[in-house]
Amino acid sequence: MAKQSAGVLPYRIRDGVLEVLICHPGGPLWARRDAGAWSIVKGEYAVDEDPWAAAQREFREEVGLDPPQGAVVPLAPIRQRAGKVVSAFAVRGDLDVTDAVSNEFEMEWPPRSGRLTSFPEIDRVEWCSVAVARTRLIAAQVAFLDELESAVEGAGP
């Protein structure tokens, strides 16, 4: 069975521009990658766990803040290139992410050194326009932006 992740895609409208909150993965393997490396804030969850509850938990762990409390818009799940299925929930809200702090993970670094080093799971979280997010996000996750744009257009001001 494919791994499952659930995430929150906060969005806001600033000066008539739809913006989303996305994150850059931490650690040395991602340090120099930008285009196609970003993601929605998400994490894995168990088969018997509610995806929305998991998405909220992962947001708290990876950003250090509560997700926005607006109306939840479930987005159609996508399958990433490696096979992971990602469920996302768009929520309107304007979070101040200035003090965002991620949880950490350990990995052997440098490779074959025998030394475990801690890195933040997310090293940056930023608000950006949907146009910018399209260039930054993992390719499969761009579908979330398409669906979000349709939902926002259909909702009116």
Protein backbone atom coordinates (compact mmCIF):
# COMPACT_ATOMS: atom_id res chain seq x y z
CA MET A 1 0.00 0.00 0.00
CA ALA A 2 1.27 3.49 -0.89
CA LYS A 3 2.30 5.83 1.89
CA GLN A 4 -0.24 8.52 2.72
CA SER A 5 0.33 12.14 3.71
CA ALA A 6 -2.11 14.87 4.63
CA GLY A 7 -1.47 18.57 4.60
CA VAL A 8 -2.89 22.03 5.05
CA LEU A 9 -2.73 24.59 2.25
CA PRO A 10 -3.42 27.97 3.87
CA TYR A 11 -4.42 30.72 1.46
CA ARG A 12 -5.19 34.41 1.58
CA ILE A 13 -6.04 37.19 -0.84
CA ARG A 14 -3.78 40.25 -0.66
CA ASP A 15 -4.44 43.22 -2.93
CA GLY A 16 -6.53 40.95 -5.16
CA VAL A 17 -3.77 38.31 -5.46
CA LEU A 18 -4.32 34.74 -4.29
CA GLU A 19 -1.40 33.66 -2.10
CA VAL A 20 -0.58 30.29 -0.55
CA LEU A 21 1.68 29.22 2.29
CA ILE A 22 4.27 26.65 1.23
CA CYS A 23 7.41 25.22 2.79
CA HIS A 24 10.94 24.26 1.82
CA PRO A 25 12.33 20.97 3.21
CA GLY A 26 15.24 21.21 5.59
CA GLY A 27 18.47 19.29 5.60
CA PRO A 28 21.53 19.23 3.40
CA LEU A 29 19.96 17.27 0.55
CA TRP A 30 17.56 20.13 -0.21
CA ALA A 31 19.73 23.12 0.74
CA ARG A 32 20.53 24.19 -2.82
CA ARG A 33 17.27 23.18 -4.47
CA ASP A 34 14.46 25.64 -5.01
CA ALA A 35 12.32 25.13 -8.13
CA GLY A 36 10.29 21.95 -7.78
CA ALA A 37 11.48 21.30 -4.22
CA TRP A 38 8.84 23.08 -2.13
CA SER A 39 5.70 21.44 -0.73
CA ILE A 40 2.51 22.11 1.11
CA VAL A 41 2.94 21.56 4.86
CA LYS A 42 2.17 17.85 5.20
CA GLY A 43 3.13 14.60 6.86
CA GLU A 44 2.40 10.90 6.88
CA TYR A 45 -0.51 9.39 8.74
CA ALA A 46 -1.80 5.93 9.64
CA VAL A 47 -4.56 4.17 7.69
CA ASP A 48 -6.99 4.46 10.62
CA GLU A 49 -6.26 8.17 11.26
CA ASP A 50 -8.51 10.98 10.08
CA PRO A 51 -6.62 12.87 7.30
CA TRP A 52 -7.82 16.32 8.45
CA ALA A 53 -6.70 15.62 12.04
CA ALA A 54 -3.33 14.41 10.72
CA ALA A 55 -2.95 17.49 8.52
CA GLN A 56 -3.53 19.78 11.51
CA ARG A 57 -1.07 17.82 13.67
CA GLU A 58 1.60 17.93 10.98
CA PHE A 59 1.10 21.67 10.50
CA ARG A 60 1.64 22.26 14.22
CA GLU A 61 4.76 20.06 14.25
CA GLU A 62 6.34 21.46 11.11
CA VAL A 63 5.44 25.15 11.46
CA GLY A 64 5.04 25.48 15.23
CA LEU A 65 1.72 27.29 14.82
CA ASP A 66 -1.94 26.30 14.71
CA PRO A 67 -3.35 26.14 11.18
CA PRO A 68 -5.91 28.81 10.20
CA GLN A 69 -9.40 28.25 11.60
CA GLY A 70 -11.42 29.14 8.48
CA ALA A 71 -13.71 26.93 6.43
CA VAL A 72 -11.95 23.75 5.28
CA VAL A 73 -11.97 22.94 1.56
CA PRO A 74 -10.92 19.32 0.92
CA LEU A 75 -8.89 19.06 -2.29
CA ALA A 76 -8.69 15.97 -4.49
CA PRO A 77 -5.81 13.68 -3.43
CA ILE A 78 -2.80 13.48 -5.75
CA ARG A 79 -0.16 10.81 -6.28
CA GLN A 80 3.44 12.01 -6.24
CA ARG A 81 6.10 10.53 -8.52
CA ALA A 82 7.39 8.13 -5.84
CA GLY A 83 3.84 6.84 -5.28
CA LYS A 84 2.91 8.67 -2.07
CA VAL A 85 -0.75 9.76 -1.99
CA VAL A 86 -1.23 13.27 -0.61
CA SER A 87 -4.55 14.62 0.66
CA ALA A 88 -4.76 18.38 1.12
CA PHE A 89 -7.13 20.77 2.83
CA ALA A 90 -7.23 24.43 1.82
CA VAL A 91 -8.07 26.87 4.60
CA ARG A 92 -8.36 30.63 4.27
CA GLY A 93 -6.43 32.55 6.91
CA ASP A 94 -3.67 35.10 7.21
CA LEU A 95 -1.03 33.62 9.52
CA ASP A 96 2.03 35.54 10.63
CA VAL A 97 4.82 32.99 10.05
CA THR A 98 7.65 35.23 11.28
CA ASP A 99 8.17 33.00 14.33
CA ALA A 100 7.58 29.65 12.61
CA VAL A 101 9.76 26.89 14.06
CA SER A 102 9.92 23.35 12.72
CA ASN A 103 10.49 20.07 14.47
CA GLU A 104 13.78 18.32 13.68
CA PHE A 105 14.96 15.01 12.28
CA GLU A 106 18.31 13.24 12.52
CA MET A 107 20.37 11.76 9.73
CA GLU A 108 23.94 10.64 9.25
CA TRP A 109 25.82 13.68 7.99
CA PRO A 110 28.24 13.91 6.37
CA PRO A 111 27.54 10.62 4.60
CA ARG A 112 29.41 7.59 5.96
CA SER A 113 30.75 9.68 8.86
CA GLY A 114 28.90 7.71 11.54
CA ARG A 115 27.79 11.05 13.02
CA LEU A 116 24.09 11.88 13.48
CA THR A 117 23.19 15.50 12.87
CA SER A 118 19.86 17.24 13.52
CA PHE A 119 18.15 19.36 10.88
CA PRO A 120 14.80 21.18 10.81
CA GLU A 121 12.17 19.28 8.87
CA ILE A 122 11.25 22.59 7.22
CA ASP A 123 13.83 25.35 6.88
CA ARG A 124 11.56 28.01 5.34
CA VAL A 125 7.85 28.68 5.18
CA GLU A 126 6.65 31.51 2.96
CA TRP A 127 3.57 33.15 1.56
CA CYS A 128 3.78 33.50 -2.22
CA SER A 129 1.46 34.10 -5.14
CA VAL A 130 0.00 31.07 -6.88
CA ALA A 131 2.14 31.96 -9.93
CA VAL A 132 5.33 31.72 -7.85
CA ALA A 133 4.09 28.59 -6.06
CA ARG A 134 3.64 26.88 -9.45
CA THR A 135 7.40 27.17 -10.05
CA ARG A 136 8.41 26.12 -6.55
CA LEU A 137 6.11 23.20 -5.73
CA ILE A 138 6.76 19.53 -6.39
CA ALA A 139 5.18 18.96 -9.82
CA ALA A 140 2.29 16.75 -8.67
CA GLN A 141 1.21 19.28 -6.02
CA VAL A 142 0.53 21.97 -8.63
CA ALA A 143 -2.87 20.27 -9.08
CA PHE A 144 -3.79 21.57 -5.61
CA LEU A 145 -3.27 25.13 -6.87
CA ASP A 146 -5.52 24.53 -9.88
CA GLU A 147 -8.30 23.20 -7.68
CA LEU A 148 -7.85 25.99 -5.12
CA GLU A 149 -8.07 28.66 -7.83
CA SER A 150 -11.31 27.12 -9.11
CA ALA A 151 -12.77 26.96 -5.59
CA VAL A 152 -11.84 30.57 -4.80
CA GLU A 153 -13.21 31.86 -8.12
CA GLY A 154 -16.47 30.02 -7.49
CA ALA A 155 -16.77 31.43 -3.97
CA GLY A 156 -16.74 35.10 -4.99
CA PRO A 157 -15.12 37.89 -2.91
